[in-house]
């Protein structure tokens, strides 16, 4: 039982902010759906504390993993204290 408390603290601290990866920092967030670009996939960013910015960071990190050049946010969905950002990832030349 004495090990449970440090484990809870460690878990709470590790679920902090979603940092952008170096590759994700290079991506664009498009204000309009880009033309002449290929859809690389769909991504859903999630932040359990309700932050749009951190949910977007999560989506950008996912888009970077599939070699996208940017994302267009289709929908921001709050669900209680959880924020979901649904986005389309694009590859543009």
Foldseek 3Di string as FASTA:
>chain_A
DVVVVVVVVVVVVVLDAQDADPLLVQADADPDPDPPWAFLAKFKFKRQQQDPVRSVSRRSNVLSVSVFRYWYFPDWDDDPRMIMTIITGIHDD
